[in-house]
Every structure is written in C-alpha cells, then in structure tokens.
C-alpha cells in the first residue's frame, strides 16, 4: 500500500528528500511548499529553510507524496522518482544493467535510518536492516529482461521513475513498464512489479 510507513521511527536523509523538490523541475517552489506543509523544512521570507544533511520522518515525506498524487498526479511522482539517482547516495561498483537495478535496493537502505541510528545498510558486511521493504532485482535467464518487485511504502509511479532513471544510465533505450497483470500498490496491494528491458 502506498503512502504508509511500514514502521515508526524510520527517517530519510535530507539529500534524498531534496529529490522531491528537484523532481518538480520548473516548479521547485511548489515542491518546497509541499515539503513545508508536511513539516519538512519551513518557508520564511519566501525561502525554504531545509538541512540537506538532516534526517526527516519518512511518514512526513510520504504525506508529501500523497498530496502530490491527489493534487497533481502520477506524472509528477514519476519525475520525482527520476530525480532520485541524481540526488540520493548510491553505491559504487555499478557497471551494468543488473548491478544498476540491484543498486536501487542498496541505495534505498543507505538513505534511510531507524530510530536515529545509522543507515540501514552495512557497507562492511553488505547486510541490510529491515523495516522499509525492498526493491527486487531478478534477471530473466538468457534475456535482456529484469523483474523488479517493489515492496515499500512509496508510490508506484515514483518507483517506476527511479528504476527507469537507473536503467537508462546503462542503455538510453531501456524501457521500464509496470506489469499490469500483477498486483499494484495503487489498488491497495503490498507490491508492484516492473519489467526492465533493453
């Protein structure tokens, strides 16, 4: 299901939160207003005051996505998702399509923390902590096709934007589609499935 944090105490870093504003393109001030409305930063004297190095409640950020979905629509959520790889921290060692899509789950855990403690990814062991869900990555044997199963509280269109941006870093003609034959979080399901082809 979209827009509802899986657990209390989950936070997202400011660098990632900024992607919400950056993804609004020419309407960044509108993105700043959405963030301010949910308690992420404040607007004073026409300027958004926000700490790029701070941590913010995931549920507040999700509330911002819900407002955009209701008032503006999926097209903007998709654009915000496409802005994530340019704003959030991603792991090194991304060399091909499979590692690019696999990196989304690692980056997801790098950019979130729980109860004020360090990020949810341990770079020494490669272990991820639970509490926020996952972005899957399953390569279909013998084909240029990856299934990415998203099980997280973010909007469907936002996730398609993230996956598309990462896929097109390695092949500008890569295509990401939502598998409409499978459940969708927009309809109350817990997951969405995306097919990446190149």
C-alpha atoms as a PDB file:
ATOM      1  CA  UNK A   1       0.000   0.000   0.000  1.00  0.00           C
ATOM      2  CA  UNK A   2       1.272   3.459  -0.888  1.00  0.00           C
ATOM      3  CA  UNK A   3       1.980   6.359   1.488  1.00  0.00           C
ATOM      4  CA  UNK A   4       2.049   4.472   4.817  1.00  0.00           C
ATOM      5  CA  UNK A   5       5.389   3.786   6.534  1.00  0.00           C
ATOM      6  CA  UNK A   6       5.895   0.151   7.476  1.00  0.00           C
ATOM      7  CA  UNK A   7       7.289   1.062  10.894  1.00  0.00           C
ATOM      8  CA  UNK A   8       7.524   4.080  13.169  1.00  0.00           C
ATOM      9  CA  UNK A   9      10.884   5.754  13.664  1.00  0.00           C
ATOM     10  CA  UNK A  10      12.015   5.498  10.027  1.00  0.00           C
ATOM     11  CA  UNK A  11      13.781   8.568   8.657  1.00  0.00           C
ATOM     12  CA  UNK A  12      15.101   9.605   5.262  1.00  0.00           C
ATOM     13  CA  UNK A  13      18.139  11.807   4.733  1.00  0.00           C
ATOM     14  CA  UNK A  14      17.864  15.361   3.501  1.00  0.00           C
ATOM     15  CA  UNK A  15      19.828  14.721   0.332  1.00  0.00           C
ATOM     16  CA  UNK A  16      17.205  12.194  -0.739  1.00  0.00           C
ATOM     17  CA  UNK A  17      14.308  14.378   0.397  1.00  0.00           C
ATOM     18  CA  UNK A  18      15.660  17.141  -1.845  1.00  0.00           C
ATOM     19  CA  UNK A  19      14.936  14.931  -4.869  1.00  0.00           C
ATOM     20  CA  UNK A  20      11.255  15.672  -4.232  1.00  0.00           C
ATOM     21  CA  UNK A  21      11.912  19.365  -4.875  1.00  0.00           C
ATOM     22  CA  UNK A  22      14.427  18.785  -7.679  1.00  0.00           C
ATOM     23  CA  UNK A  23      11.994  16.472  -9.459  1.00  0.00           C
ATOM     24  CA  UNK A  24       9.445  19.282  -9.663  1.00  0.00           C
ATOM     25  CA  UNK A  25      11.635  20.899 -12.341  1.00  0.00           C
ATOM     26  CA  UNK A  26      10.499  24.452 -13.085  1.00  0.00           C
ATOM     27  CA  UNK A  27       8.079  24.240 -10.166  1.00  0.00           C
ATOM     28  CA  UNK A  28      10.639  23.732  -7.392  1.00  0.00           C
ATOM     29  CA  UNK A  29       8.949  26.373  -5.248  1.00  0.00           C
ATOM     30  CA  UNK A  30       5.791  24.248  -5.337  1.00  0.00           C
ATOM     31  CA  UNK A  31       7.834  21.242  -4.168  1.00  0.00           C
ATOM     32  CA  UNK A  32       9.251  23.355  -1.350  1.00  0.00           C
ATOM     33  CA  UNK A  33       5.722  24.309  -0.334  1.00  0.00           C
ATOM     34  CA  UNK A  34       4.623  20.656  -0.293  1.00  0.00           C
ATOM     35  CA  UNK A  35       7.598  19.791   1.923  1.00  0.00           C
ATOM     36  CA  UNK A  36       6.964  22.712   4.243  1.00  0.00           C
ATOM     37  CA  UNK A  37       3.280  21.734   4.506  1.00  0.00           C
ATOM     38  CA  UNK A  38       4.258  18.296   5.879  1.00  0.00           C
ATOM     39  CA  UNK A  39       6.798  19.738   8.323  1.00  0.00           C
ATOM     40  CA  UNK A  40       9.974  19.156   6.322  1.00  0.00           C
ATOM     41  CA  UNK A  41      11.736  22.487   6.458  1.00  0.00           C
ATOM     42  CA  UNK A  42       9.979  25.821   6.706  1.00  0.00           C
ATOM     43  CA  UNK A  43       9.394  28.729   4.388  1.00  0.00           C
ATOM     44  CA  UNK A  44      10.469  32.099   5.735  1.00  0.00           C
ATOM     45  CA  UNK A  45      10.706  35.248   3.682  1.00  0.00           C
ATOM     46  CA  UNK A  46       9.903  33.291   0.546  1.00  0.00           C
ATOM     47  CA  UNK A  47      12.839  30.887   1.087  1.00  0.00           C
ATOM     48  CA  UNK A  48      12.697  27.237   2.018  1.00  0.00           C
ATOM     49  CA  UNK A  49      14.906  26.596   5.026  1.00  0.00           C
ATOM     50  CA  UNK A  50      15.991  22.986   4.995  1.00  0.00           C
ATOM     51  CA  UNK A  51      19.012  20.971   6.156  1.00  0.00           C
ATOM     52  CA  UNK A  52      20.383  18.849   3.327  1.00  0.00           C
ATOM     53  CA  UNK A  53      22.392  16.861   5.897  1.00  0.00           C
ATOM     54  CA  UNK A  54      19.455  16.368   8.270  1.00  0.00           C
ATOM     55  CA  UNK A  55      17.113  13.416   8.716  1.00  0.00           C
ATOM     56  CA  UNK A  56      13.347  13.661   8.327  1.00  0.00           C
ATOM     57  CA  UNK A  57      10.419  11.388   9.216  1.00  0.00           C
ATOM     58  CA  UNK A  58       9.630   9.008   6.396  1.00  0.00           C
ATOM     59  CA  UNK A  59       5.911   9.339   7.099  1.00  0.00           C
ATOM     60  CA  UNK A  60       6.062  13.123   6.601  1.00  0.00           C
ATOM     61  CA  UNK A  61       7.829  12.592   3.264  1.00  0.00           C
ATOM     62  CA  UNK A  62       5.205  10.022   2.288  1.00  0.00           C
ATOM     63  CA  UNK A  63       2.499  12.541   3.215  1.00  0.00           C
ATOM     64  CA  UNK A  64       4.101  14.918   0.711  1.00  0.00           C
ATOM     65  CA  UNK A  65       3.888  12.224  -1.985  1.00  0.00           C
ATOM     66  CA  UNK A  66       0.240  11.596  -1.118  1.00  0.00           C
ATOM     67  CA  UNK A  67      -0.543  15.301  -1.528  1.00  0.00           C
ATOM     68  CA  UNK A  68       1.163  15.394  -4.931  1.00  0.00           C
ATOM     69  CA  UNK A  69      -0.692  12.248  -6.019  1.00  0.00           C
ATOM     70  CA  UNK A  70      -4.037  13.763  -5.024  1.00  0.00           C
ATOM     71  CA  UNK A  71      -3.437  17.259  -6.381  1.00  0.00           C
ATOM     72  CA  UNK A  72      -1.081  16.866  -9.342  1.00  0.00           C
ATOM     73  CA  UNK A  73      -0.907  13.194 -10.313  1.00  0.00           C
ATOM     74  CA  UNK A  74       1.361  10.330 -11.250  1.00  0.00           C
ATOM     75  CA  UNK A  75       3.309  12.241 -13.908  1.00  0.00           C
ATOM     76  CA  UNK A  76       4.958  14.394 -11.249  1.00  0.00           C
ATOM     77  CA  UNK A  77       5.569  11.393  -8.963  1.00  0.00           C
ATOM     78  CA  UNK A  78       7.369   9.719 -11.887  1.00  0.00           C
ATOM     79  CA  UNK A  79       9.557  12.820 -12.420  1.00  0.00           C
ATOM     80  CA  UNK A  80      10.426  12.931  -8.717  1.00  0.00           C
ATOM     81  CA  UNK A  81      11.463   9.275  -8.932  1.00  0.00           C
ATOM     82  CA  UNK A  82      13.675  10.014 -11.924  1.00  0.00           C
ATOM     83  CA  UNK A  83      15.439  12.668  -9.804  1.00  0.00           C
ATOM     84  CA  UNK A  84      16.383  10.205  -7.027  1.00  0.00           C
ATOM     85  CA  UNK A  85      19.559   8.758  -8.621  1.00  0.00           C
ATOM     86  CA  UNK A  86      20.903  12.290  -9.141  1.00  0.00           C
ATOM     87  CA  UNK A  87      20.277  13.307  -5.539  1.00  0.00           C
ATOM     88  CA  UNK A  88      20.492  10.272  -3.243  1.00  0.00           C
ATOM     89  CA  UNK A  89      23.611   8.332  -2.274  1.00  0.00           C
ATOM     90  CA  UNK A  90      24.203   5.263  -4.451  1.00  0.00           C
ATOM     91  CA  UNK A  91      26.797   2.534  -4.009  1.00  0.00           C
ATOM     92  CA  UNK A  92      29.881   2.336  -6.208  1.00  0.00           C
ATOM     93  CA  UNK A  93      30.549  -0.652  -8.429  1.00  0.00           C
ATOM     94  CA  UNK A  94      27.573  -0.173 -10.721  1.00  0.00           C
ATOM     95  CA  UNK A  95      28.844  -1.480 -14.052  1.00  0.00           C
ATOM     96  CA  UNK A  96      25.926  -2.957 -15.968  1.00  0.00           C
ATOM     97  CA  UNK A  97      22.147  -3.119 -16.087  1.00  0.00           C
ATOM     98  CA  UNK A  98      21.834  -5.841 -13.457  1.00  0.00           C
ATOM     99  CA  UNK A  99      24.101  -4.058 -10.948  1.00  0.00           C
ATOM    100  CA  UNK A 100      22.286  -0.764 -11.646  1.00  0.00           C
ATOM    101  CA  UNK A 101      18.883  -2.206 -10.782  1.00  0.00           C
ATOM    102  CA  UNK A 102      20.346  -4.156  -7.834  1.00  0.00           C
ATOM    103  CA  UNK A 103      21.905  -0.914  -6.531  1.00  0.00           C
ATOM    104  CA  UNK A 104      18.465   0.624  -6.041  1.00  0.00           C
ATOM    105  CA  UNK A 105      17.760  -1.572  -3.010  1.00  0.00           C
ATOM    106  CA  UNK A 106      21.181  -0.865  -1.525  1.00  0.00           C
ATOM    107  CA  UNK A 107      20.775   2.881  -2.082  1.00  0.00           C
ATOM    108  CA  UNK A 108      17.301   2.700  -0.567  1.00  0.00           C
ATOM    109  CA  UNK A 109      18.760   1.292   2.636  1.00  0.00           C
ATOM    110  CA  UNK A 110      21.730   3.697   2.618  1.00  0.00           C
ATOM    111  CA  UNK A 111      19.393   6.693   2.549  1.00  0.00           C
ATOM    112  CA  UNK A 112      17.084   5.583   5.373  1.00  0.00           C
ATOM    113  CA  UNK A 113      17.686   5.020   9.066  1.00  0.00           C
ATOM    114  CA  UNK A 114      15.685   3.752  12.022  1.00  0.00           C
ATOM    115  CA  UNK A 115      15.263   5.317  15.476  1.00  0.00           C
ATOM    116  CA  UNK A 116      18.025   7.881  14.922  1.00  0.00           C
ATOM    117  CA  UNK A 117      20.740   5.283  14.331  1.00  0.00           C
ATOM    118  CA  UNK A 118      22.963   4.859  11.264  1.00  0.00           C
ATOM    119  CA  UNK A 119      21.679   3.954   7.831  1.00  0.00           C
ATOM    120  CA  UNK A 120      20.028   0.605   7.181  1.00  0.00           C
ATOM    121  CA  UNK A 121      22.913  -0.737   5.056  1.00  0.00           C
ATOM    122  CA  UNK A 122      26.189  -2.048   6.440  1.00  0.00           C
ATOM    123  CA  UNK A 123      28.865  -1.414   3.817  1.00  0.00           C
ATOM    124  CA  UNK A 124      31.315  -3.805   5.516  1.00  0.00           C
ATOM    125  CA  UNK A 125      29.047  -6.849   5.552  1.00  0.00           C
ATOM    126  CA  UNK A 126      26.570  -5.930   2.808  1.00  0.00           C
ATOM    127  CA  UNK A 127      23.717  -6.595   5.233  1.00  0.00           C
ATOM    128  CA  UNK A 128      20.534  -4.547   5.126  1.00  0.00           C
ATOM    129  CA  UNK A 129      18.292  -3.922   8.118  1.00  0.00           C
ATOM    130  CA  UNK A 130      14.578  -4.494   7.751  1.00  0.00           C
ATOM    131  CA  UNK A 131      11.727  -2.048   8.293  1.00  0.00           C
ATOM    132  CA  UNK A 132      11.342  -0.274   4.962  1.00  0.00           C
ATOM    133  CA  UNK A 133      10.839  -3.031   2.407  1.00  0.00           C
ATOM    134  CA  UNK A 134      12.887  -3.707  -0.712  1.00  0.00           C
ATOM    135  CA  UNK A 135      13.442  -3.187  -4.423  1.00  0.00           C
ATOM    136  CA  UNK A 136      13.931  -6.588  -6.016  1.00  0.00           C
ATOM    137  CA  UNK A 137      16.117  -7.481  -8.965  1.00  0.00           C
ATOM    138  CA  UNK A 138      15.713 -10.794 -10.767  1.00  0.00           C
ATOM    139  CA  UNK A 139      17.345 -11.272 -14.151  1.00  0.00           C
ATOM    140  CA  UNK A 140      15.410 -13.468 -16.554  1.00  0.00           C
ATOM    141  CA  UNK A 141      17.796 -16.158 -17.889  1.00  0.00           C
ATOM    142  CA  UNK A 142      19.019 -15.669 -21.441  1.00  0.00           C
ATOM    143  CA  UNK A 143      17.105 -12.425 -21.943  1.00  0.00           C
ATOM    144  CA  UNK A 144      17.729  -8.711 -21.551  1.00  0.00           C
ATOM    145  CA  UNK A 145      14.908  -8.572 -19.043  1.00  0.00           C
ATOM    146  CA  UNK A 146      14.847  -7.880 -15.304  1.00  0.00           C
ATOM    147  CA  UNK A 147      11.908  -8.175 -12.947  1.00  0.00           C
ATOM    148  CA  UNK A 148      11.983  -5.631 -10.129  1.00  0.00           C
ATOM    149  CA  UNK A 149       9.445  -6.327  -7.403  1.00  0.00           C
ATOM    150  CA  UNK A 150       8.939  -3.230  -5.245  1.00  0.00           C
ATOM    151  CA  UNK A 151       7.715  -3.848  -1.730  1.00  0.00           C
ATOM    152  CA  UNK A 152       7.863  -0.483   0.018  1.00  0.00           C
ATOM    153  CA  UNK A 153       5.524   2.357   1.007  1.00  0.00           C
ATOM    154  CA  UNK A 154       6.420   4.678  -1.883  1.00  0.00           C
ATOM    155  CA  UNK A 155       4.096   5.425  -4.802  1.00  0.00           C
ATOM    156  CA  UNK A 156       4.037   3.160  -7.831  1.00  0.00           C
ATOM    157  CA  UNK A 157       4.821   5.932 -10.337  1.00  0.00           C
ATOM    158  CA  UNK A 158       7.731   7.181  -8.189  1.00  0.00           C
ATOM    159  CA  UNK A 159       9.320   3.725  -8.195  1.00  0.00           C
ATOM    160  CA  UNK A 160       8.911   3.397 -11.956  1.00  0.00           C
ATOM    161  CA  UNK A 161      10.760   6.721 -12.250  1.00  0.00           C
ATOM    162  CA  UNK A 162      13.676   5.541 -10.093  1.00  0.00           C
ATOM    163  CA  UNK A 163      14.002   2.244 -11.952  1.00  0.00           C
ATOM    164  CA  UNK A 164      13.790   3.993 -15.339  1.00  0.00           C
ATOM    165  CA  UNK A 165      16.483   6.541 -14.423  1.00  0.00           C
ATOM    166  CA  UNK A 166      18.868   3.804 -13.271  1.00  0.00           C
ATOM    167  CA  UNK A 167      18.188   1.579 -16.291  1.00  0.00           C
ATOM    168  CA  UNK A 168      18.718   4.415 -18.750  1.00  0.00           C
ATOM    169  CA  UNK A 169      22.129   5.185 -17.251  1.00  0.00           C
ATOM    170  CA  UNK A 170      23.281   1.977 -18.945  1.00  0.00           C
ATOM    171  CA  UNK A 171      21.112   1.931 -22.015  1.00  0.00           C
ATOM    172  CA  UNK A 172      19.295   5.077 -23.084  1.00  0.00           C
ATOM    173  CA  UNK A 173      16.765   2.910 -24.912  1.00  0.00           C
ATOM    174  CA  UNK A 174      15.910   0.833 -21.823  1.00  0.00           C
ATOM    175  CA  UNK A 175      12.206   0.563 -21.162  1.00  0.00           C
ATOM    176  CA  UNK A 176      10.528   0.064 -17.792  1.00  0.00           C
ATOM    177  CA  UNK A 177       6.899  -0.941 -17.655  1.00  0.00           C
ATOM    178  CA  UNK A 178       4.589  -1.732 -14.781  1.00  0.00           C
ATOM    179  CA  UNK A 179       3.394  -5.321 -15.081  1.00  0.00           C
ATOM    180  CA  UNK A 180      -0.347  -4.680 -15.074  1.00  0.00           C
ATOM    181  CA  UNK A 181      -1.082  -8.404 -14.786  1.00  0.00           C
ATOM    182  CA  UNK A 182       0.292  -8.298 -11.221  1.00  0.00           C
ATOM    183  CA  UNK A 183      -0.984  -6.501  -8.076  1.00  0.00           C
ATOM    184  CA  UNK A 184      -0.389  -2.760  -7.687  1.00  0.00           C
ATOM    185  CA  UNK A 185       0.039  -0.610  -4.578  1.00  0.00           C
ATOM    186  CA  UNK A 186      -2.273   1.984  -6.122  1.00  0.00           C
ATOM    187  CA  UNK A 187      -5.020  -0.605  -5.690  1.00  0.00           C
ATOM    188  CA  UNK A 188      -4.112  -1.489  -2.105  1.00  0.00           C
ATOM    189  CA  UNK A 189      -1.633  -4.288  -2.844  1.00  0.00           C
ATOM    190  CA  UNK A 190       1.671  -4.598  -0.988  1.00  0.00           C
ATOM    191  CA  UNK A 191       3.855  -4.780  -4.104  1.00  0.00           C
ATOM    192  CA  UNK A 192       4.260  -3.603  -7.679  1.00  0.00           C
ATOM    193  CA  UNK A 193       6.170  -5.427 -10.421  1.00  0.00           C
ATOM    194  CA  UNK A 194       8.243  -3.667 -13.066  1.00  0.00           C
ATOM    195  CA  UNK A 195       9.822  -5.175 -16.159  1.00  0.00           C
ATOM    196  CA  UNK A 196      13.091  -3.654 -17.352  1.00  0.00           C
ATOM    197  CA  UNK A 197      14.049  -4.469 -20.941  1.00  0.00           C
ATOM    198  CA  UNK A 198      16.967  -3.261 -23.065  1.00  0.00           C
END
